Structures are given as C-alpha cells and as structure tokens.
Amino acid sequence: MTLSFIIPGLDEATSEKTIGILQERLSQEQEAALVLKHAHWNVAGPNFIAVHEMLDPQVDEVLAMADETAERIAALGGSPSGRPDDIVRFRTWDKFDLDGRQNTLDYLRALDKYYDAFIADDRKAVAELDELDFVSSNIIQDHVQKLEQFQWFMRSFLID
C-alpha cells in the first residue's frame, strides 16, 4: 500500500495496519446500508409501517458511519475503496440471504443476526485499533454504540 502521507504520531506500518482494519469496517458499513435498504423495501405484514420507517434512519446513520470511516482512511494517508466489488473483496462476514417480500418479523430476525456479526466485527476492530490508533478506535467505538441501539430497536419487536 502506498500512503500519501503519514500523520504525526504514527509510523507507516501502524498506519497501514489501521487502514486495513478500517477498510474492512468501511466495506461492512456500506453493505449494511444496502442490506437495511433492501429490508426497508421488502418488509410486509404486521408492523409494516413501523419497521419500514424505523429502517430508513438506520440506513442514513450507517452511511454516515461509512463516510466517517472512509474519511479516517484518507486522513491516515490511505485511499478508501468504496466500489461495489470492494465490498465483496473485503468481505469476511456472512452475506445477508433473506430475499423478496417477507414478513416483518422474518426480516427483523435476519437483521438481528446480521447485526450480531456486524457488532462483533466492530468490537474486534476496536480491540485491534486500541493497540494501533486510539483516534480510529474511538470512531469505531462510536459506531458500535449506535449499532447496538439499532439492534435494541429491532429486538424490541421480537419480544414475545
């Protein structure tokens, strides 16, 4: 990887490791926004309007997370990769498989499982970034807090 520059307080190797972790986070954030929008368009049945309207702000927030992550990569001297094929290239998580018009509860269960992996991956990244760059770690920590809130919203529909 060729860095445009190195920010004060980090060396090249640390910057490159940090960028690698952030790139994976960026790809998952971009995919999550698409997955959430897919669910937004396809939920049906009981609680349709509540779930439909709950998902759009999550899409916007996850896209804002991706933007923040990409800008941190650039601030570190890297070049964020944000094309659709980059999402697949950097994927280390299971893809979201629910398709078509489905019951809101089916989508919420699938999204809950998706968020489990998304949050776990972010928490792993935080632990790795804590050792490398506290600024990048703080950014992802903020993302985790918001994702956990979104998951709580979804899980509130799933209580029997």
N, C-alpha and C. Protein backbone atom coordinates (compact mmCIF):
# COMPACT_ATOMS: atom_id res chain seq x y z
N MET A 1 0.85 -1.17 0.00
CA MET A 1 0.00 0.00 0.00
C MET A 1 0.90 1.24 0.00
N THR A 2 0.56 2.18 -0.83
CA THR A 2 1.31 3.43 -0.87
C THR A 2 0.50 4.50 -0.17
N LEU A 3 1.08 5.09 0.87
CA LEU A 3 0.41 6.14 1.62
C LEU A 3 0.76 7.50 1.02
N SER A 4 -0.21 8.39 0.98
CA SER A 4 0.02 9.75 0.50
C SER A 4 0.90 10.52 1.48
N PHE A 5 0.74 10.21 2.75
CA PHE A 5 1.49 10.85 3.82
C PHE A 5 1.29 10.02 5.08
N ILE A 6 2.03 10.35 6.10
CA ILE A 6 1.89 9.70 7.41
C ILE A 6 1.56 10.79 8.42
N ILE A 7 0.52 10.57 9.21
CA ILE A 7 0.15 11.60 10.18
C ILE A 7 1.09 11.54 11.39
N PRO A 8 1.27 12.67 12.04
CA PRO A 8 2.17 12.71 13.20
C PRO A 8 1.75 11.71 14.29
N GLY A 9 2.74 11.05 14.84
CA GLY A 9 2.50 10.13 15.94
C GLY A 9 2.29 8.68 15.53
N LEU A 10 2.17 8.42 14.22
CA LEU A 10 2.02 7.06 13.72
C LEU A 10 3.12 6.79 12.71
N ASP A 11 3.60 5.57 12.70
CA ASP A 11 4.58 5.20 11.67
C ASP A 11 3.85 4.56 10.50
N GLU A 12 4.59 4.28 9.44
CA GLU A 12 3.99 3.74 8.23
C GLU A 12 3.32 2.38 8.46
N ALA A 13 4.00 1.50 9.15
CA ALA A 13 3.44 0.16 9.38
C ALA A 13 2.15 0.23 10.20
N THR A 14 2.13 1.05 11.23
CA THR A 14 0.92 1.22 12.06
C THR A 14 -0.21 1.81 11.24
N SER A 15 0.13 2.79 10.42
CA SER A 15 -0.90 3.42 9.56
C SER A 15 -1.49 2.40 8.60
N GLU A 16 -0.64 1.58 8.00
CA GLU A 16 -1.13 0.58 7.05
C GLU A 16 -2.01 -0.46 7.72
N LYS A 17 -1.64 -0.92 8.90
CA LYS A 17 -2.48 -1.88 9.64
C LYS A 17 -3.82 -1.26 9.99
N THR A 18 -3.78 -0.02 10.46
CA THR A 18 -5.01 0.69 10.83
C THR A 18 -5.92 0.85 9.62
N ILE A 19 -5.35 1.25 8.51
CA ILE A 19 -6.14 1.43 7.28
C ILE A 19 -6.77 0.11 6.86
N GLY A 20 -6.03 -0.99 6.96
CA GLY A 20 -6.57 -2.30 6.60
C GLY A 20 -7.80 -2.66 7.43
N ILE A 21 -7.71 -2.40 8.72
CA ILE A 21 -8.85 -2.68 9.61
C ILE A 21 -10.03 -1.78 9.25
N LEU A 22 -9.74 -0.50 9.04
CA LEU A 22 -10.80 0.46 8.71
C LEU A 22 -11.44 0.15 7.36
N GLN A 23 -10.65 -0.34 6.40
CA GLN A 23 -11.22 -0.69 5.10
C GLN A 23 -12.24 -1.81 5.23
N GLU A 24 -11.94 -2.80 6.03
CA GLU A 24 -12.91 -3.87 6.25
C GLU A 24 -14.18 -3.32 6.90
N ARG A 25 -14.01 -2.42 7.86
CA ARG A 25 -15.17 -1.80 8.51
C ARG A 25 -15.97 -1.00 7.48
N LEU A 26 -15.29 -0.25 6.64
CA LEU A 26 -15.96 0.54 5.60
C LEU A 26 -16.79 -0.36 4.69
N SER A 27 -16.22 -1.45 4.25
CA SER A 27 -16.95 -2.36 3.36
C SER A 27 -18.18 -2.94 4.04
N GLN A 28 -18.05 -3.31 5.31
CA GLN A 28 -19.20 -3.86 6.01
C GLN A 28 -20.25 -2.78 6.26
N GLU A 29 -19.83 -1.57 6.53
CA GLU A 29 -20.79 -0.47 6.72
C GLU A 29 -21.55 -0.20 5.42
N GLN A 30 -20.83 -0.18 4.31
CA GLN A 30 -21.51 0.04 3.03
C GLN A 30 -22.51 -1.08 2.74
N GLU A 31 -22.09 -2.32 2.97
CA GLU A 31 -23.00 -3.43 2.74
C GLU A 31 -24.22 -3.34 3.66
N ALA A 32 -23.99 -3.01 4.92
CA ALA A 32 -25.09 -2.92 5.88
C ALA A 32 -26.14 -1.90 5.44
N ALA A 33 -25.69 -0.79 4.89
CA ALA A 33 -26.65 0.22 4.40
C ALA A 33 -27.51 -0.38 3.28
N LEU A 34 -26.89 -1.14 2.40
CA LEU A 34 -27.65 -1.78 1.31
C LEU A 34 -28.60 -2.84 1.84
N VAL A 35 -28.14 -3.62 2.80
CA VAL A 35 -28.98 -4.66 3.40
C VAL A 35 -30.19 -4.03 4.09
N LEU A 36 -29.95 -2.98 4.84
CA LEU A 36 -31.05 -2.30 5.54
C LEU A 36 -32.06 -1.70 4.55
N LYS A 37 -31.57 -1.13 3.47
CA LYS A 37 -32.47 -0.55 2.46
C LYS A 37 -33.27 -1.67 1.79
N HIS A 38 -32.61 -2.79 1.52
CA HIS A 38 -33.29 -3.95 0.95
C HIS A 38 -34.45 -4.38 1.86
N ALA A 39 -34.17 -4.48 3.16
CA ALA A 39 -35.22 -4.86 4.11
C ALA A 39 -36.32 -3.79 4.14
N HIS A 40 -35.94 -2.55 4.12
CA HIS A 40 -36.91 -1.43 4.12
C HIS A 40 -37.90 -1.57 2.96
N TRP A 41 -37.40 -1.95 1.81
CA TRP A 41 -38.26 -2.08 0.63
C TRP A 41 -39.11 -3.34 0.65
N ASN A 42 -38.70 -4.35 1.40
CA ASN A 42 -39.33 -5.67 1.27
C ASN A 42 -40.10 -6.16 2.48
N VAL A 43 -40.07 -5.43 3.60
CA VAL A 43 -40.85 -5.89 4.75
C VAL A 43 -42.34 -5.84 4.42
N ALA A 44 -43.09 -6.75 4.99
CA ALA A 44 -44.53 -6.83 4.74
C ALA A 44 -45.21 -7.44 5.95
N GLY A 45 -46.47 -7.17 6.09
CA GLY A 45 -47.24 -7.80 7.15
C GLY A 45 -47.37 -6.94 8.39
N PRO A 46 -47.60 -7.60 9.55
CA PRO A 46 -47.81 -6.86 10.79
C PRO A 46 -46.62 -5.93 11.09
N ASN A 47 -46.94 -4.77 11.59
CA ASN A 47 -45.95 -3.75 11.94
C ASN A 47 -45.17 -3.22 10.73
N PHE A 48 -45.74 -3.42 9.54
CA PHE A 48 -45.04 -2.97 8.33
C PHE A 48 -44.57 -1.53 8.44
N ILE A 49 -45.49 -0.62 8.68
CA ILE A 49 -45.12 0.80 8.61
C ILE A 49 -44.11 1.17 9.69
N ALA A 50 -44.24 0.60 10.87
CA ALA A 50 -43.30 0.91 11.95
C ALA A 50 -41.89 0.44 11.59
N VAL A 51 -41.78 -0.77 11.07
CA VAL A 51 -40.46 -1.31 10.71
C VAL A 51 -39.92 -0.59 9.47
N HIS A 52 -40.76 -0.39 8.49
CA HIS A 52 -40.38 0.32 7.27
C HIS A 52 -39.78 1.69 7.63
N GLU A 53 -40.47 2.42 8.49
CA GLU A 53 -40.00 3.77 8.87
C GLU A 53 -38.83 3.72 9.85
N MET A 54 -38.67 2.66 10.61
CA MET A 54 -37.54 2.54 11.53
C MET A 54 -36.23 2.32 10.76
N LEU A 55 -36.31 1.65 9.63
CA LEU A 55 -35.10 1.26 8.91
C LEU A 55 -34.43 2.41 8.15
N ASP A 56 -35.20 3.35 7.62
CA ASP A 56 -34.59 4.43 6.84
C ASP A 56 -33.58 5.26 7.63
N PRO A 57 -33.89 5.67 8.87
CA PRO A 57 -32.87 6.41 9.63
C PRO A 57 -31.63 5.56 9.90
N GLN A 58 -31.79 4.25 10.04
CA GLN A 58 -30.63 3.38 10.22
C GLN A 58 -29.77 3.38 8.97
N VAL A 59 -30.39 3.35 7.80
CA VAL A 59 -29.65 3.42 6.54
C VAL A 59 -28.81 4.70 6.52
N ASP A 60 -29.44 5.82 6.85
CA ASP A 60 -28.74 7.10 6.83
C ASP A 60 -27.58 7.13 7.82
N GLU A 61 -27.80 6.60 9.00
CA GLU A 61 -26.74 6.59 10.03
C GLU A 61 -25.58 5.68 9.64
N VAL A 62 -25.90 4.52 9.08
CA VAL A 62 -24.84 3.60 8.67
C VAL A 62 -24.04 4.19 7.51
N LEU A 63 -24.71 4.88 6.59
CA LEU A 63 -23.99 5.57 5.52
C LEU A 63 -23.09 6.66 6.09
N ALA A 64 -23.56 7.36 7.12
CA ALA A 64 -22.73 8.38 7.76
C ALA A 64 -21.51 7.74 8.44
N MET A 65 -21.70 6.55 9.01
CA MET A 65 -20.57 5.81 9.59
C MET A 65 -19.55 5.49 8.50
N ALA A 66 -20.04 5.00 7.36
CA ALA A 66 -19.14 4.67 6.26
C ALA A 66 -18.37 5.90 5.81
N ASP A 67 -19.03 7.01 5.72
CA ASP A 67 -18.36 8.26 5.32
C ASP A 67 -17.27 8.63 6.33
N GLU A 68 -17.59 8.51 7.60
CA GLU A 68 -16.61 8.83 8.64
C GLU A 68 -15.41 7.88 8.58
N THR A 69 -15.68 6.60 8.35
CA THR A 69 -14.61 5.61 8.24
C THR A 69 -13.74 5.90 7.02
N ALA A 70 -14.37 6.18 5.89
CA ALA A 70 -13.62 6.48 4.66
C ALA A 70 -12.76 7.73 4.84
N GLU A 71 -13.32 8.74 5.49
CA GLU A 71 -12.55 9.96 5.71
C GLU A 71 -11.39 9.74 6.66
N ARG A 72 -11.53 8.82 7.62
CA ARG A 72 -10.41 8.49 8.51
C ARG A 72 -9.30 7.79 7.72
N ILE A 73 -9.69 6.90 6.82
CA ILE A 73 -8.70 6.24 5.96
C ILE A 73 -7.92 7.29 5.17
N ALA A 74 -8.63 8.24 4.59
CA ALA A 74 -7.98 9.30 3.82
C ALA A 74 -7.09 10.17 4.72
N ALA A 75 -7.56 10.46 5.94
CA ALA A 75 -6.78 11.27 6.88
C ALA A 75 -5.49 10.57 7.28
N LEU A 76 -5.50 9.24 7.24
CA LEU A 76 -4.31 8.45 7.56
C LEU A 76 -3.36 8.32 6.36
N GLY A 77 -3.73 8.93 5.24
CA GLY A 77 -2.89 8.87 4.05
C GLY A 77 -3.25 7.76 3.10
N GLY A 78 -4.32 7.04 3.39
CA GLY A 78 -4.76 5.95 2.54
C GLY A 78 -5.78 6.40 1.52
N SER A 79 -6.24 5.45 0.75
CA SER A 79 -7.25 5.69 -0.27
C SER A 79 -8.40 4.72 -0.03
N PRO A 80 -9.54 5.20 0.48
CA PRO A 80 -10.66 4.30 0.76
C PRO A 80 -11.19 3.67 -0.53
N SER A 81 -11.50 2.39 -0.44
CA SER A 81 -12.06 1.65 -1.57
C SER A 81 -13.55 1.48 -1.32
N GLY A 82 -14.36 2.11 -2.15
CA GLY A 82 -15.80 2.12 -1.89
C GLY A 82 -16.66 1.64 -3.04
N ARG A 83 -16.07 0.95 -3.98
CA ARG A 83 -16.86 0.44 -5.10
C ARG A 83 -17.59 -0.84 -4.70
N PRO A 84 -18.66 -1.18 -5.42
CA PRO A 84 -19.41 -2.39 -5.06
C PRO A 84 -18.54 -3.64 -5.00
N ASP A 85 -17.60 -3.80 -5.93
CA ASP A 85 -16.77 -5.00 -5.90
C ASP A 85 -15.82 -5.00 -4.72
N ASP A 86 -15.52 -3.82 -4.15
CA ASP A 86 -14.68 -3.75 -2.96
C ASP A 86 -15.39 -4.34 -1.74
N ILE A 87 -16.70 -4.15 -1.69
CA ILE A 87 -17.47 -4.73 -0.59
C ILE A 87 -17.27 -6.24 -0.56
N VAL A 88 -17.40 -6.84 -1.72
CA VAL A 88 -17.25 -8.30 -1.83
C VAL A 88 -15.79 -8.69 -1.58
N ARG A 89 -14.86 -7.94 -2.12
CA ARG A 89 -13.43 -8.27 -1.98
C ARG A 89 -12.99 -8.26 -0.53
N PHE A 90 -13.52 -7.34 0.27
CA PHE A 90 -13.10 -7.23 1.67
C PHE A 90 -14.01 -7.99 2.63
N ARG A 91 -15.04 -8.66 2.12
CA ARG A 91 -15.99 -9.36 2.98
C ARG A 91 -15.32 -10.52 3.71
N THR A 92 -15.49 -10.50 5.04
CA THR A 92 -15.05 -11.62 5.89
C THR A 92 -16.23 -12.14 6.69
N TRP A 93 -17.39 -11.62 6.47
CA TRP A 93 -18.60 -11.95 7.21
C TRP A 93 -19.57 -12.64 6.27
N ASP A 94 -20.57 -13.30 6.87
CA ASP A 94 -21.59 -13.98 6.07
C ASP A 94 -22.48 -12.95 5.39
N LYS A 95 -22.87 -13.26 4.16
CA LYS A 95 -23.75 -12.34 3.45
C LYS A 95 -25.18 -12.50 3.94
N PHE A 96 -25.98 -11.49 3.73
CA PHE A 96 -27.39 -11.46 4.11
C PHE A 96 -28.17 -12.18 3.01
N ASP A 97 -28.90 -13.24 3.38
CA ASP A 97 -29.54 -14.08 2.38
C ASP A 97 -31.05 -13.89 2.23
N LEU A 98 -31.71 -13.23 3.15
CA LEU A 98 -33.17 -13.11 3.05
C LEU A 98 -33.51 -12.25 1.83
N ASP A 99 -34.46 -12.72 1.05
CA ASP A 99 -34.76 -12.07 -0.21
C ASP A 99 -36.26 -11.95 -0.41
N GLY A 100 -36.66 -10.97 -1.18
CA GLY A 100 -38.05 -10.79 -1.56
C GLY A 100 -38.93 -10.28 -0.43
N ARG A 101 -40.20 -10.16 -0.74
CA ARG A 101 -41.18 -9.69 0.24
C ARG A 101 -41.34 -10.77 1.30
N GLN A 102 -41.06 -10.40 2.55
CA GLN A 102 -41.16 -11.33 3.66
C GLN A 102 -41.82 -10.62 4.84
N ASN A 103 -42.28 -11.40 5.75
CA ASN A 103 -42.90 -10.90 6.97
C ASN A 103 -41.89 -10.03 7.74
N THR A 104 -42.39 -8.96 8.33
CA THR A 104 -41.51 -8.05 9.08
C THR A 104 -40.69 -8.80 10.13
N LEU A 105 -41.30 -9.75 10.83
CA LEU A 105 -40.57 -10.48 11.87
C LEU A 105 -39.44 -11.33 11.28
N ASP A 106 -39.65 -11.88 10.09
CA ASP A 106 -38.58 -12.64 9.44
C ASP A 106 -37.40 -11.73 9.11
N TYR A 107 -37.71 -10.54 8.60
CA TYR A 107 -36.63 -9.59 8.30
C TYR A 107 -35.95 -9.13 9.58
N LEU A 108 -36.72 -8.87 10.62
CA LEU A 108 -36.10 -8.42 11.87
C LEU A 108 -35.21 -9.49 12.48
N ARG A 109 -35.63 -10.75 12.40
CA ARG A 109 -34.78 -11.84 12.91
C ARG A 109 -33.48 -11.93 12.11
N ALA A 110 -33.60 -11.83 10.79
CA ALA A 110 -32.41 -11.89 9.94
C ALA A 110 -31.51 -10.68 10.17
N LEU A 111 -32.10 -9.51 10.34
CA LEU A 111 -31.30 -8.31 10.61
C LEU A 111 -30.65 -8.38 11.99
N ASP A 112 -31.35 -8.96 12.95
CA ASP A 112 -30.78 -9.13 14.29
C ASP A 112 -29.52 -10.01 14.21
N LYS A 113 -29.61 -11.08 13.46
CA LYS A 113 -28.45 -11.97 13.28
C LYS A 113 -27.33 -11.23 12.53
N TYR A 114 -27.70 -10.46 11.52
CA TYR A 114 -26.71 -9.67 10.76
C TYR A 114 -26.01 -8.67 11.69
N TYR A 115 -26.79 -8.01 12.53
CA TYR A 115 -26.22 -7.05 13.49
C TYR A 115 -25.32 -7.75 14.51
N ASP A 116 -25.66 -8.97 14.91
CA ASP A 116 -24.77 -9.72 15.82
C ASP A 116 -23.36 -9.77 15.25
N ALA A 117 -23.26 -10.17 13.99
CA ALA A 117 -21.95 -10.30 13.35
C ALA A 117 -21.30 -8.93 13.13
N PHE A 118 -22.08 -7.96 12.70
CA PHE A 118 -21.59 -6.61 12.43
C PHE A 118 -20.99 -6.01 13.70
N ILE A 119 -21.72 -6.10 14.80
CA ILE A 119 -21.25 -5.54 16.08
C ILE A 119 -20.03 -6.31 16.57
N ALA A 120 -20.06 -7.63 16.46
CA ALA A 120 -18.90 -8.43 16.89
C ALA A 120 -17.66 -8.05 16.08
N ASP A 121 -17.81 -7.86 14.79
CA ASP A 121 -16.69 -7.45 13.94
C ASP A 121 -16.18 -6.06 14.33
N ASP A 122 -17.09 -5.15 14.63
CA ASP A 122 -16.68 -3.81 15.07
C ASP A 122 -15.95 -3.88 16.41
N ARG A 123 -16.45 -4.69 17.32
CA ARG A 123 -15.79 -4.83 18.63
C ARG A 123 -14.39 -5.43 18.48
N LYS A 124 -14.24 -6.39 17.59
CA LYS A 124 -12.92 -6.95 17.32
C LYS A 124 -11.99 -5.87 16.75
N ALA A 125 -12.52 -5.07 15.85
CA ALA A 125 -11.73 -3.98 15.28
C ALA A 125 -11.31 -2.97 16.35
N VAL A 126 -12.22 -2.67 17.28
CA VAL A 126 -11.89 -1.74 18.37
C VAL A 126 -10.71 -2.28 19.17
N ALA A 127 -10.76 -3.56 19.51
CA ALA A 127 -9.67 -4.16 20.30
C ALA A 127 -8.35 -4.07 19.55
N GLU A 128 -8.37 -4.31 18.24
CA GLU A 128 -7.15 -4.22 17.44
C GLU A 128 -6.69 -2.77 17.31
N LEU A 129 -7.63 -1.86 17.09
CA LEU A 129 -7.29 -0.45 16.91
C LEU A 129 -6.81 0.20 18.20
N ASP A 130 -7.28 -0.29 19.35
CA ASP A 130 -6.81 0.23 20.63
C ASP A 130 -5.29 0.17 20.73
N GLU A 131 -4.71 -0.88 20.12
CA GLU A 131 -3.26 -1.08 20.16
C GLU A 131 -2.54 -0.24 19.10
N LEU A 132 -3.27 0.23 18.10
CA LEU A 132 -2.65 0.91 16.97
C LEU A 132 -2.88 2.42 16.95
N ASP A 133 -4.14 2.81 17.07
CA ASP A 133 -4.51 4.22 16.88
C ASP A 133 -5.80 4.51 17.65
N PHE A 134 -5.66 5.21 18.76
CA PHE A 134 -6.83 5.45 19.62
C PHE A 134 -7.88 6.32 18.92
N VAL A 135 -7.49 7.17 18.00
CA VAL A 135 -8.47 8.01 17.30
C VAL A 135 -9.38 7.13 16.44
N SER A 136 -8.78 6.24 15.67
CA SER A 136 -9.58 5.33 14.85
C SER A 136 -10.43 4.41 15.71
N SER A 137 -9.87 3.96 16.83
CA SER A 137 -10.62 3.12 17.76
C SER A 137 -11.85 3.86 18.28
N ASN A 138 -11.68 5.12 18.63
CA ASN A 138 -12.81 5.91 19.14
C ASN A 138 -13.91 6.06 18.11
N ILE A 139 -13.53 6.22 16.87
CA ILE A 139 -14.53 6.33 15.80
C ILE A 139 -15.37 5.06 15.73
N ILE A 140 -14.72 3.91 15.71
CA ILE A 140 -15.45 2.65 15.62
C ILE A 140 -16.24 2.39 16.90
N GLN A 141 -15.71 2.79 18.04
CA GLN A 141 -16.47 2.66 19.30
C GLN A 141 -17.79 3.42 19.21
N ASP A 142 -17.76 4.61 18.65
CA ASP A 142 -19.00 5.39 18.47
C ASP A 142 -19.97 4.65 17.56
N HIS A 143 -19.43 4.01 16.54
CA HIS A 143 -20.28 3.25 15.62
C HIS A 143 -20.94 2.07 16.34
N VAL A 144 -20.17 1.38 17.17
CA VAL A 144 -20.71 0.24 17.92
C VAL A 144 -21.87 0.69 18.80
N GLN A 145 -21.70 1.80 19.47
CA GLN A 145 -22.77 2.28 20.35
C GLN A 145 -24.06 2.51 19.57
N LYS A 146 -23.96 3.11 18.40
CA LYS A 146 -25.14 3.37 17.57
C LYS A 146 -25.73 2.05 17.04
N LEU A 147 -24.88 1.12 16.61
CA LEU A 147 -25.37 -0.16 16.10
C LEU A 147 -26.09 -0.95 17.18
N GLU A 148 -25.56 -0.92 18.39
CA GLU A 148 -26.22 -1.62 19.50
C GLU A 148 -27.60 -1.02 19.78
N GLN A 149 -27.71 0.29 19.63
CA GLN A 149 -29.02 0.92 19.80
C GLN A 149 -29.99 0.47 18.71
N PHE A 150 -29.51 0.43 17.47
CA PHE A 150 -30.37 -0.04 16.37
C PHE A 150 -30.81 -1.47 16.59
N GLN A 151 -29.90 -2.31 17.06
CA GLN A 151 -30.25 -3.70 17.31
C GLN A 151 -31.28 -3.80 18.42
N TRP A 152 -31.15 -2.98 19.43
CA TRP A 152 -32.13 -2.94 20.51
C TRP A 152 -33.51 -2.58 19.96
N PHE A 153 -33.56 -1.60 19.05
CA PHE A 153 -34.84 -1.23 18.43
C PHE A 153 -35.46 -2.45 17.76
N MET A 154 -34.66 -3.19 17.00
CA MET A 154 -35.16 -4.35 16.30
C MET A 154 -35.62 -5.44 17.27
N ARG A 155 -34.79 -5.68 18.28
CA ARG A 155 -35.12 -6.73 19.24
C ARG A 155 -36.38 -6.40 20.02
N SER A 156 -36.71 -5.15 20.14
CA SER A 156 -37.94 -4.76 20.86
C SER A 156 -39.18 -5.26 20.14
N PHE A 157 -39.10 -5.46 18.84
CA PHE A 157 -40.21 -6.02 18.08
C PHE A 157 -40.29 -7.53 18.26
N LEU A 158 -39.20 -8.17 18.63
CA LEU A 158 -39.10 -9.62 18.64
C LEU A 158 -39.47 -10.25 19.99
N ILE A 159 -39.78 -9.45 20.97
CA ILE A 159 -40.13 -9.98 22.30
C ILE A 159 -41.53 -10.57 22.25
N ASP A 160 -41.65 -11.78 22.75
CA ASP A 160 -42.97 -12.46 22.74
C ASP A 160 -43.83 -11.96 23.88
